[in-house]
Amino acid sequence: MNQKPRRKFSNDFKARVALDALRERETIESLCKKYDLHPNQIMQWKKILKESGSQLFSGEKPAGIDAQEKLIEELYRSIGELKVANDFLKKNLKGYL
C-alpha cells in the first residue's frame, strides 16, 4: 500500500479554518474543497474554538506558559554563568595557549 504522509497544519491555519466555519458564510462542503480537508476535521477545529474561545479573553495565561517562562529564565541564567566562566578562562589562559 502506498500511503501519503500525514499533513501537519499550523495553529494559524487551524484558527482561520475554524473561524470561517463559525462565520457560516460558506457551507462545510465548500470549506472542505477550499482548504482540501475532511468535514470531520473542520468540525473538530470549530468545536475546539467554540469550547476554548472564552479563555482567550479571560486574561489568564494558558497552563504551559508559566512553566515555559520559568524554563527560559533558567536557561538564560545558565547562559550567563557559562559566559562569565568562558570569559574568565579566556582571560587567565591567554599565556598558556
PDB file of N, CA and C in Angstrom:
ATOM      1  N   MET A   1       0.821  -1.187   0.000  1.00  0.00           N
ATOM      2  CA  MET A   1       0.000   0.000   0.000  1.00  0.00           C
ATOM      3  C   MET A   1       0.864   1.250   0.000  1.00  0.00           C
ATOM      4  N   ASN A   2       0.469   2.187  -0.779  1.00  0.00           N
ATOM      5  CA  ASN A   2       1.208   3.437  -0.861  1.00  0.00           C
ATOM      6  C   ASN A   2       0.420   4.509  -0.102  1.00  0.00           C
ATOM      7  N   GLN A   3       0.876   4.837   1.111  1.00  0.00           N
ATOM      8  CA  GLN A   3       0.170   5.819   1.930  1.00  0.00           C
ATOM      9  C   GLN A   3       0.829   7.178   1.820  1.00  0.00           C
ATOM     10  N   LYS A   4      -0.010   8.214   1.888  1.00  0.00           N
ATOM     11  CA  LYS A   4       0.503   9.580   1.905  1.00  0.00           C
ATOM     12  C   LYS A   4       0.992   9.898   3.306  1.00  0.00           C
ATOM     13  N   PRO A   5       2.040  10.692   3.412  1.00  0.00           N
ATOM     14  CA  PRO A   5       2.458  11.108   4.759  1.00  0.00           C
ATOM     15  C   PRO A   5       1.410  12.037   5.370  1.00  0.00           C
ATOM     16  N   ARG A   6       1.319  12.031   6.682  1.00  0.00           N
ATOM     17  CA  ARG A   6       0.343  12.875   7.361  1.00  0.00           C
ATOM     18  C   ARG A   6       0.697  14.341   7.177  1.00  0.00           C
ATOM     19  N   ARG A   7      -0.321  15.126   6.942  1.00  0.00           N
ATOM     20  CA  ARG A   7      -0.099  16.560   6.817  1.00  0.00           C
ATOM     21  C   ARG A   7      -0.136  17.194   8.196  1.00  0.00           C
ATOM     22  N   LYS A   8       0.643  18.227   8.374  1.00  0.00           N
ATOM     23  CA  LYS A   8       0.655  18.966   9.630  1.00  0.00           C
ATOM     24  C   LYS A   8       0.232  20.395   9.337  1.00  0.00           C
ATOM     25  N   PHE A   9      -0.679  20.890  10.159  1.00  0.00           N
ATOM     26  CA  PHE A   9      -1.215  22.219   9.948  1.00  0.00           C
ATOM     27  C   PHE A   9      -0.781  23.148  11.068  1.00  0.00           C
ATOM     28  N   SER A  10      -0.483  24.383  10.717  1.00  0.00           N
ATOM     29  CA  SER A  10      -0.101  25.367  11.724  1.00  0.00           C
ATOM     30  C   SER A  10      -1.323  25.798  12.515  1.00  0.00           C
ATOM     31  N   ASN A  11      -1.087  26.351  13.683  1.00  0.00           N
ATOM     32  CA  ASN A  11      -2.178  26.846  14.518  1.00  0.00           C
ATOM     33  C   ASN A  11      -2.924  27.978  13.831  1.00  0.00           C
ATOM     34  N   ASP A  12      -2.198  28.809  13.090  1.00  0.00           N
ATOM     35  CA  ASP A  12      -2.838  29.905  12.359  1.00  0.00           C
ATOM     36  C   ASP A  12      -3.826  29.375  11.317  1.00  0.00           C
ATOM     37  N   PHE A  13      -3.416  28.340  10.611  1.00  0.00           N
ATOM     38  CA  PHE A  13      -4.282  27.749   9.598  1.00  0.00           C
ATOM     39  C   PHE A  13      -5.532  27.156  10.241  1.00  0.00           C
ATOM     40  N   LYS A  14      -5.346  26.428  11.340  1.00  0.00           N
ATOM     41  CA  LYS A  14      -6.483  25.825  12.038  1.00  0.00           C
ATOM     42  C   LYS A  14      -7.461  26.897  12.507  1.00  0.00           C
ATOM     43  N   ALA A  15      -6.917  27.986  13.051  1.00  0.00           N
ATOM     44  CA  ALA A  15      -7.773  29.066  13.541  1.00  0.00           C
ATOM     45  C   ALA A  15      -8.535  29.717  12.390  1.00  0.00           C
ATOM     46  N   ARG A  16      -7.865  29.924  11.272  1.00  0.00           N
ATOM     47  CA  ARG A  16      -8.508  30.543  10.114  1.00  0.00           C
ATOM     48  C   ARG A  16      -9.661  29.679   9.609  1.00  0.00           C
ATOM     49  N   VAL A  17      -9.426  28.367   9.516  1.00  0.00           N
ATOM     50  CA  VAL A  17     -10.460  27.450   9.046  1.00  0.00           C
ATOM     51  C   VAL A  17     -11.624  27.416  10.036  1.00  0.00           C
ATOM     52  N   ALA A  18     -11.318  27.338  11.327  1.00  0.00           N
ATOM     53  CA  ALA A  18     -12.370  27.282  12.349  1.00  0.00           C
ATOM     54  C   ALA A  18     -13.197  28.564  12.348  1.00  0.00           C
ATOM     55  N   LEU A  19     -12.546  29.708  12.179  1.00  0.00           N
ATOM     56  CA  LEU A  19     -13.281  30.970  12.123  1.00  0.00           C
ATOM     57  C   LEU A  19     -14.185  31.032  10.899  1.00  0.00           C
ATOM     58  N   ASP A  20     -13.685  30.553   9.770  1.00  0.00           N
ATOM     59  CA  ASP A  20     -14.523  30.512   8.568  1.00  0.00           C
ATOM     60  C   ASP A  20     -15.742  29.621   8.796  1.00  0.00           C
ATOM     61  N   ALA A  21     -15.531  28.505   9.493  1.00  0.00           N
ATOM     62  CA  ALA A  21     -16.638  27.596   9.773  1.00  0.00           C
ATOM     63  C   ALA A  21     -17.635  28.233  10.738  1.00  0.00           C
ATOM     64  N   LEU A  22     -17.144  28.981  11.718  1.00  0.00           N
ATOM     65  CA  LEU A  22     -18.018  29.647  12.679  1.00  0.00           C
ATOM     66  C   LEU A  22     -18.838  30.764  12.022  1.00  0.00           C
ATOM     67  N   ARG A  23     -18.264  31.445  11.075  1.00  0.00           N
ATOM     68  CA  ARG A  23     -18.965  32.541  10.402  1.00  0.00           C
ATOM     69  C   ARG A  23     -20.166  32.042   9.611  1.00  0.00           C
ATOM     70  N   GLU A  24     -20.082  30.799   9.148  1.00  0.00           N
ATOM     71  CA  GLU A  24     -21.148  30.149   8.385  1.00  0.00           C
ATOM     72  C   GLU A  24     -21.548  30.926   7.129  1.00  0.00           C
ATOM     73  N   ARG A  25     -20.598  31.591   6.518  1.00  0.00           N
ATOM     74  CA  ARG A  25     -20.846  32.259   5.242  1.00  0.00           C
ATOM     75  C   ARG A  25     -20.765  31.264   4.095  1.00  0.00           C
ATOM     76  N   GLU A  26     -20.023  30.175   4.341  1.00  0.00           N
ATOM     77  CA  GLU A  26     -19.892  29.119   3.343  1.00  0.00           C
ATOM     78  C   GLU A  26     -20.291  27.806   4.004  1.00  0.00           C
ATOM     79  N   THR A  27     -20.681  26.856   3.196  1.00  0.00           N
ATOM     80  CA  THR A  27     -21.033  25.551   3.738  1.00  0.00           C
ATOM     81  C   THR A  27     -19.758  24.791   4.099  1.00  0.00           C
ATOM     82  N   ILE A  28     -19.938  23.787   4.927  1.00  0.00           N
ATOM     83  CA  ILE A  28     -18.790  22.950   5.302  1.00  0.00           C
ATOM     84  C   ILE A  28     -18.222  22.279   4.054  1.00  0.00           C
ATOM     85  N   GLU A  29     -19.077  21.893   3.161  1.00  0.00           N
ATOM     86  CA  GLU A  29     -18.629  21.251   1.926  1.00  0.00           C
ATOM     87  C   GLU A  29     -17.733  22.187   1.111  1.00  0.00           C
ATOM     88  N   SER A  30     -18.118  23.444   0.998  1.00  0.00           N
ATOM     89  CA  SER A  30     -17.294  24.376   0.225  1.00  0.00           C
ATOM     90  C   SER A  30     -15.977  24.671   0.948  1.00  0.00           C
ATOM     91  N   LEU A  31     -16.019  24.702   2.285  1.00  0.00           N
ATOM     92  CA  LEU A  31     -14.772  24.881   3.036  1.00  0.00           C
ATOM     93  C   LEU A  31     -13.847  23.685   2.843  1.00  0.00           C
ATOM     94  N   CYS A  32     -14.424  22.493   2.785  1.00  0.00           N
ATOM     95  CA  CYS A  32     -13.619  21.291   2.554  1.00  0.00           C
ATOM     96  C   CYS A  32     -12.886  21.366   1.224  1.00  0.00           C
ATOM     97  N   LYS A  33     -13.594  21.811   0.211  1.00  0.00           N
ATOM     98  CA  LYS A  33     -12.967  21.941  -1.109  1.00  0.00           C
ATOM     99  C   LYS A  33     -11.934  23.064  -1.114  1.00  0.00           C
ATOM    100  N   LYS A  34     -12.276  24.160  -0.459  1.00  0.00           N
ATOM    101  CA  LYS A  34     -11.386  25.323  -0.434  1.00  0.00           C
ATOM    102  C   LYS A  34     -10.059  25.005   0.254  1.00  0.00           C
ATOM    103  N   TYR A  35     -10.127  24.308   1.394  1.00  0.00           N
ATOM    104  CA  TYR A  35      -8.921  24.032   2.182  1.00  0.00           C
ATOM    105  C   TYR A  35      -8.408  22.602   2.018  1.00  0.00           C
ATOM    106  N   ASP A  36      -9.084  21.789   1.207  1.00  0.00           N
ATOM    107  CA  ASP A  36      -8.698  20.396   0.973  1.00  0.00           C
ATOM    108  C   ASP A  36      -8.622  19.619   2.298  1.00  0.00           C
ATOM    109  N   LEU A  37      -9.744  19.650   3.036  1.00  0.00           N
ATOM    110  CA  LEU A  37      -9.832  18.982   4.327  1.00  0.00           C
ATOM    111  C   LEU A  37     -11.081  18.115   4.376  1.00  0.00           C
ATOM    112  N   HIS A  38     -11.103  17.219   5.335  1.00  0.00           N
ATOM    113  CA  HIS A  38     -12.278  16.385   5.570  1.00  0.00           C
ATOM    114  C   HIS A  38     -13.252  17.155   6.469  1.00  0.00           C
ATOM    115  N   PRO A  39     -14.546  16.978   6.275  1.00  0.00           N
ATOM    116  CA  PRO A  39     -15.526  17.711   7.093  1.00  0.00           C
ATOM    117  C   PRO A  39     -15.374  17.471   8.592  1.00  0.00           C
ATOM    118  N   ASN A  40     -15.002  16.242   8.972  1.00  0.00           N
ATOM    119  CA  ASN A  40     -14.822  15.954  10.396  1.00  0.00           C
ATOM    120  C   ASN A  40     -13.707  16.812  11.003  1.00  0.00           C
ATOM    121  N   GLN A  41     -12.653  17.049  10.226  1.00  0.00           N
ATOM    122  CA  GLN A  41     -11.542  17.857  10.728  1.00  0.00           C
ATOM    123  C   GLN A  41     -11.993  19.287  10.958  1.00  0.00           C
ATOM    124  N   ILE A  42     -12.732  19.831  10.037  1.00  0.00           N
ATOM    125  CA  ILE A  42     -13.219  21.211  10.176  1.00  0.00           C
ATOM    126  C   ILE A  42     -14.153  21.320  11.373  1.00  0.00           C
ATOM    127  N   MET A  43     -15.048  20.352  11.520  1.00  0.00           N
ATOM    128  CA  MET A  43     -15.989  20.379  12.642  1.00  0.00           C
ATOM    129  C   MET A  43     -15.261  20.240  13.983  1.00  0.00           C
ATOM    130  N   GLN A  44     -14.196  19.440  14.011  1.00  0.00           N
ATOM    131  CA  GLN A  44     -13.418  19.272  15.241  1.00  0.00           C
ATOM    132  C   GLN A  44     -12.731  20.588  15.623  1.00  0.00           C
ATOM    133  N   TRP A  45     -12.112  21.257  14.660  1.00  0.00           N
ATOM    134  CA  TRP A  45     -11.449  22.532  14.944  1.00  0.00           C
ATOM    135  C   TRP A  45     -12.465  23.590  15.346  1.00  0.00           C
ATOM    136  N   LYS A  46     -13.636  23.568  14.730  1.00  0.00           N
ATOM    137  CA  LYS A  46     -14.697  24.510  15.076  1.00  0.00           C
ATOM    138  C   LYS A  46     -15.148  24.283  16.517  1.00  0.00           C
ATOM    139  N   LYS A  47     -15.300  23.030  16.903  1.00  0.00           N
ATOM    140  CA  LYS A  47     -15.721  22.685  18.274  1.00  0.00           C
ATOM    141  C   LYS A  47     -14.669  23.138  19.288  1.00  0.00           C
ATOM    142  N   ILE A  48     -13.404  22.918  18.977  1.00  0.00           N
ATOM    143  CA  ILE A  48     -12.321  23.338  19.874  1.00  0.00           C
ATOM    144  C   ILE A  48     -12.333  24.848  20.050  1.00  0.00           C
ATOM    145  N   LEU A  49     -12.531  25.572  18.958  1.00  0.00           N
ATOM    146  CA  LEU A  49     -12.570  27.036  19.031  1.00  0.00           C
ATOM    147  C   LEU A  49     -13.757  27.505  19.869  1.00  0.00           C
ATOM    148  N   LYS A  50     -14.900  26.881  19.703  1.00  0.00           N
ATOM    149  CA  LYS A  50     -16.077  27.252  20.485  1.00  0.00           C
ATOM    150  C   LYS A  50     -15.849  27.018  21.977  1.00  0.00           C
ATOM    151  N   GLU A  51     -15.245  25.869  22.309  1.00  0.00           N
ATOM    152  CA  GLU A  51     -15.048  25.495  23.709  1.00  0.00           C
ATOM    153  C   GLU A  51     -13.963  26.325  24.390  1.00  0.00           C
ATOM    154  N   SER A  52     -12.899  26.628  23.682  1.00  0.00           N
ATOM    155  CA  SER A  52     -11.770  27.313  24.316  1.00  0.00           C
ATOM    156  C   SER A  52     -11.690  28.793  23.955  1.00  0.00           C
ATOM    157  N   GLY A  53     -12.615  29.278  23.166  1.00  0.00           N
ATOM    158  CA  GLY A  53     -12.586  30.676  22.748  1.00  0.00           C
ATOM    159  C   GLY A  53     -12.718  31.648  23.905  1.00  0.00           C
ATOM    160  N   SER A  54     -13.487  31.284  24.920  1.00  0.00           N
ATOM    161  CA  SER A  54     -13.678  32.183  26.059  1.00  0.00           C
ATOM    162  C   SER A  54     -12.385  32.368  26.848  1.00  0.00           C
ATOM    163  N   GLN A  55     -11.497  31.395  26.810  1.00  0.00           N
ATOM    164  CA  GLN A  55     -10.220  31.504  27.527  1.00  0.00           C
ATOM    165  C   GLN A  55      -9.332  32.579  26.924  1.00  0.00           C
ATOM    166  N   LEU A  56      -9.528  32.880  25.663  1.00  0.00           N
ATOM    167  CA  LEU A  56      -8.710  33.898  25.009  1.00  0.00           C
ATOM    168  C   LEU A  56      -8.909  35.270  25.634  1.00  0.00           C
ATOM    169  N   PHE A  57     -10.120  35.514  26.139  1.00  0.00           N
ATOM    170  CA  PHE A  57     -10.457  36.823  26.680  1.00  0.00           C
ATOM    171  C   PHE A  57     -10.488  36.857  28.205  1.00  0.00           C
ATOM    172  N   SER A  58     -10.104  35.776  28.845  1.00  0.00           N
ATOM    173  CA  SER A  58     -10.167  35.713  30.303  1.00  0.00           C
ATOM    174  C   SER A  58      -9.019  36.462  30.970  1.00  0.00           C
ATOM    175  N   GLY A  59      -7.951  36.721  30.240  1.00  0.00           N
ATOM    176  CA  GLY A  59      -6.803  37.416  30.813  1.00  0.00           C
ATOM    177  C   GLY A  59      -5.839  36.474  31.515  1.00  0.00           C
ATOM    178  N   GLU A  60      -6.180  35.208  31.589  1.00  0.00           N
ATOM    179  CA  GLU A  60      -5.304  34.222  32.226  1.00  0.00           C
ATOM    180  C   GLU A  60      -4.377  33.626  31.181  1.00  0.00           C
ATOM    181  N   LYS A  61      -3.192  33.263  31.653  1.00  0.00           N
ATOM    182  CA  LYS A  61      -2.250  32.608  30.765  1.00  0.00           C
ATOM    183  C   LYS A  61      -2.600  31.129  30.685  1.00  0.00           C
ATOM    184  N   PRO A  62      -2.375  30.501  29.543  1.00  0.00           N
ATOM    185  CA  PRO A  62      -2.562  29.054  29.463  1.00  0.00           C
ATOM    186  C   PRO A  62      -1.620  28.338  30.428  1.00  0.00           C
ATOM    187  N   ALA A  63      -1.965  27.137  30.809  1.00  0.00           N
ATOM    188  CA  ALA A  63      -1.245  26.401  31.847  1.00  0.00           C
ATOM    189  C   ALA A  63       0.245  26.231  31.544  1.00  0.00           C
ATOM    190  N   GLY A  64       0.625  25.974  30.320  1.00  0.00           N
ATOM    191  CA  GLY A  64       2.017  25.698  29.987  1.00  0.00           C
ATOM    192  C   GLY A  64       2.898  26.933  29.907  1.00  0.00           C
ATOM    193  N   ILE A  65       2.320  28.121  29.906  1.00  0.00           N
ATOM    194  CA  ILE A  65       3.089  29.350  29.727  1.00  0.00           C
ATOM    195  C   ILE A  65       4.011  29.604  30.916  1.00  0.00           C
ATOM    196  N   ASP A  66       3.524  29.429  32.138  1.00  0.00           N
ATOM    197  CA  ASP A  66       4.355  29.683  33.316  1.00  0.00           C
ATOM    198  C   ASP A  66       5.564  28.759  33.355  1.00  0.00           C
ATOM    199  N   ALA A  67       5.364  27.489  33.061  1.00  0.00           N
ATOM    200  CA  ALA A  67       6.473  26.541  33.056  1.00  0.00           C
ATOM    201  C   ALA A  67       7.474  26.898  31.967  1.00  0.00           C
ATOM    202  N   GLN A  68       6.971  27.336  30.827  1.00  0.00           N
ATOM    203  CA  GLN A  68       7.847  27.705  29.718  1.00  0.00           C
ATOM    204  C   GLN A  68       8.659  28.953  30.068  1.00  0.00           C
ATOM    205  N   GLU A  69       8.026  29.948  30.676  1.00  0.00           N
ATOM    206  CA  GLU A  69       8.742  31.157  31.075  1.00  0.00           C
ATOM    207  C   GLU A  69       9.801  30.844  32.118  1.00  0.00           C
ATOM    208  N   LYS A  70       9.492  29.951  33.045  1.00  0.00           N
ATOM    209  CA  LYS A  70      10.456  29.550  34.077  1.00  0.00           C
ATOM    210  C   LYS A  70      11.656  28.859  33.436  1.00  0.00           C
ATOM    211  N   LEU A  71      11.405  27.977  32.472  1.00  0.00           N
ATOM    212  CA  LEU A  71      12.479  27.279  31.773  1.00  0.00           C
ATOM    213  C   LEU A  71      13.359  28.268  31.012  1.00  0.00           C
ATOM    214  N   ILE A  72      12.748  29.222  30.333  1.00  0.00           N
ATOM    215  CA  ILE A  72      13.513  30.223  29.581  1.00  0.00           C
ATOM    216  C   ILE A  72      14.391  31.045  30.516  1.00  0.00           C
ATOM    217  N   GLU A  73      13.827  31.447  31.652  1.00  0.00           N
ATOM    218  CA  GLU A  73      14.599  32.218  32.626  1.00  0.00           C
ATOM    219  C   GLU A  73      15.786  31.415  33.148  1.00  0.00           C
ATOM    220  N   GLU A  74      15.564  30.137  33.426  1.00  0.00           N
ATOM    221  CA  GLU A  74      16.637  29.267  33.907  1.00  0.00           C
ATOM    222  C   GLU A  74      17.721  29.098  32.845  1.00  0.00           C
ATOM    223  N   LEU A  75      17.324  28.957  31.592  1.00  0.00           N
ATOM    224  CA  LEU A  75      18.293  28.805  30.507  1.00  0.00           C
ATOM    225  C   LEU A  75      19.125  30.073  30.315  1.00  0.00           C
ATOM    226  N   TYR A  76      18.481  31.234  30.396  1.00  0.00           N
ATOM    227  CA  TYR A  76      19.233  32.492  30.287  1.00  0.00           C
ATOM    228  C   TYR A  76      20.223  32.640  31.436  1.00  0.00           C
ATOM    229  N   ARG A  77      19.841  32.223  32.635  1.00  0.00           N
ATOM    230  CA  ARG A  77      20.737  32.289  33.786  1.00  0.00           C
ATOM    231  C   ARG A  77      21.953  31.389  33.554  1.00  0.00           C
ATOM    232  N   SER A  78      21.713  30.177  33.030  1.00  0.00           N
ATOM    233  CA  SER A  78      22.807  29.247  32.737  1.00  0.00           C
ATOM    234  C   SER A  78      23.735  29.809  31.660  1.00  0.00           C
ATOM    235  N   ILE A  79      23.158  30.414  30.643  1.00  0.00           N
ATOM    236  CA  ILE A  79      23.969  31.021  29.581  1.00  0.00           C
ATOM    237  C   ILE A  79      24.853  32.114  30.168  1.00  0.00           C
ATOM    238  N   GLY A  80      24.297  32.926  31.050  1.00  0.00           N
ATOM    239  CA  GLY A  80      25.073  33.993  31.672  1.00  0.00           C
ATOM    240  C   GLY A  80      26.230  33.450  32.486  1.00  0.00           C
ATOM    241  N   GLU A  81      25.967  32.391  33.260  1.00  0.00           N
ATOM    242  CA  GLU A  81      27.028  31.788  34.071  1.00  0.00           C
ATOM    243  C   GLU A  81      28.128  31.209  33.179  1.00  0.00           C
ATOM    244  N   LEU A  82      27.749  30.541  32.121  1.00  0.00           N
ATOM    245  CA  LEU A  82      28.734  29.957  31.215  1.00  0.00           C
ATOM    246  C   LEU A  82      29.544  31.035  30.493  1.00  0.00           C
ATOM    247  N   LYS A  83      28.919  32.137  30.166  1.00  0.00           N
ATOM    248  CA  LYS A  83      29.635  33.232  29.508  1.00  0.00           C
ATOM    249  C   LYS A  83      30.674  33.833  30.448  1.00  0.00           C
ATOM    250  N   VAL A  84      30.294  34.028  31.717  1.00  0.00           N
ATOM    251  CA  VAL A  84      31.231  34.569  32.691  1.00  0.00           C
ATOM    252  C   VAL A  84      32.414  33.606  32.866  1.00  0.00           C
ATOM    253  N   ALA A  85      32.138  32.305  32.985  1.00  0.00           N
ATOM    254  CA  ALA A  85      33.207  31.318  33.145  1.00  0.00           C
ATOM    255  C   ALA A  85      34.098  31.289  31.906  1.00  0.00           C
ATOM    256  N   ASN A  86      33.515  31.383  30.724  1.00  0.00           N
ATOM    257  CA  ASN A  86      34.266  31.368  29.476  1.00  0.00           C
ATOM    258  C   ASN A  86      35.186  32.591  29.381  1.00  0.00           C
ATOM    259  N   ASP A  87      34.635  33.766  29.705  1.00  0.00           N
ATOM    260  CA  ASP A  87      35.443  34.990  29.676  1.00  0.00           C
ATOM    261  C   ASP A  87      36.597  34.904  30.682  1.00  0.00           C
ATOM    262  N   PHE A  88      36.330  34.352  31.866  1.00  0.00           N
ATOM    263  CA  PHE A  88      37.366  34.213  32.890  1.00  0.00           C
ATOM    264  C   PHE A  88      38.490  33.311  32.381  1.00  0.00           C
ATOM    265  N   LEU A  89      38.113  32.174  31.777  1.00  0.00           N
ATOM    266  CA  LEU A  89      39.128  31.254  31.274  1.00  0.00           C
ATOM    267  C   LEU A  89      39.908  31.855  30.115  1.00  0.00           C
ATOM    268  N   LYS A  90      39.257  32.570  29.229  1.00  0.00           N
ATOM    269  CA  LYS A  90      39.956  33.216  28.124  1.00  0.00           C
ATOM    270  C   LYS A  90      40.992  34.202  28.647  1.00  0.00           C
ATOM    271  N   LYS A  91      40.610  34.959  29.668  1.00  0.00           N
ATOM    272  CA  LYS A  91      41.496  35.976  30.219  1.00  0.00           C
ATOM    273  C   LYS A  91      42.699  35.337  30.920  1.00  0.00           C
ATOM    274  N   ASN A  92      42.460  34.298  31.708  1.00  0.00           N
ATOM    275  CA  ASN A  92      43.522  33.705  32.510  1.00  0.00           C
ATOM    276  C   ASN A  92      44.358  32.668  31.791  1.00  0.00           C
ATOM    277  N   LEU A  93      43.919  32.178  30.648  1.00  0.00           N
ATOM    278  CA  LEU A  93      44.691  31.159  29.933  1.00  0.00           C
ATOM    279  C   LEU A  93      45.339  31.697  28.663  1.00  0.00           C
ATOM    280  N   LYS A  94      45.381  33.017  28.504  1.00  0.00           N
ATOM    281  CA  LYS A  94      45.964  33.600  27.287  1.00  0.00           C
ATOM    282  C   LYS A  94      47.421  33.166  27.093  1.00  0.00           C
ATOM    283  N   GLY A  95      48.197  33.173  28.138  1.00  0.00           N
ATOM    284  CA  GLY A  95      49.618  32.858  28.036  1.00  0.00           C
ATOM    285  C   GLY A  95      49.878  31.378  27.823  1.00  0.00           C
ATOM    286  N   TYR A  96      48.954  30.516  28.142  1.00  0.00           N
ATOM    287  CA  TYR A  96      49.177  29.068  28.052  1.00  0.00           C
ATOM    288  C   TYR A  96      48.823  28.493  26.686  1.00  0.00           C
ATOM    289  N   LEU A  97      48.068  29.211  25.885  1.00  0.00           N
ATOM    290  CA  LEU A  97      47.650  28.655  24.599  1.00  0.00           C
ATOM    291  C   LEU A  97      48.538  29.051  23.493  1.00  0.00           C
TER     292      LEU A  97
END
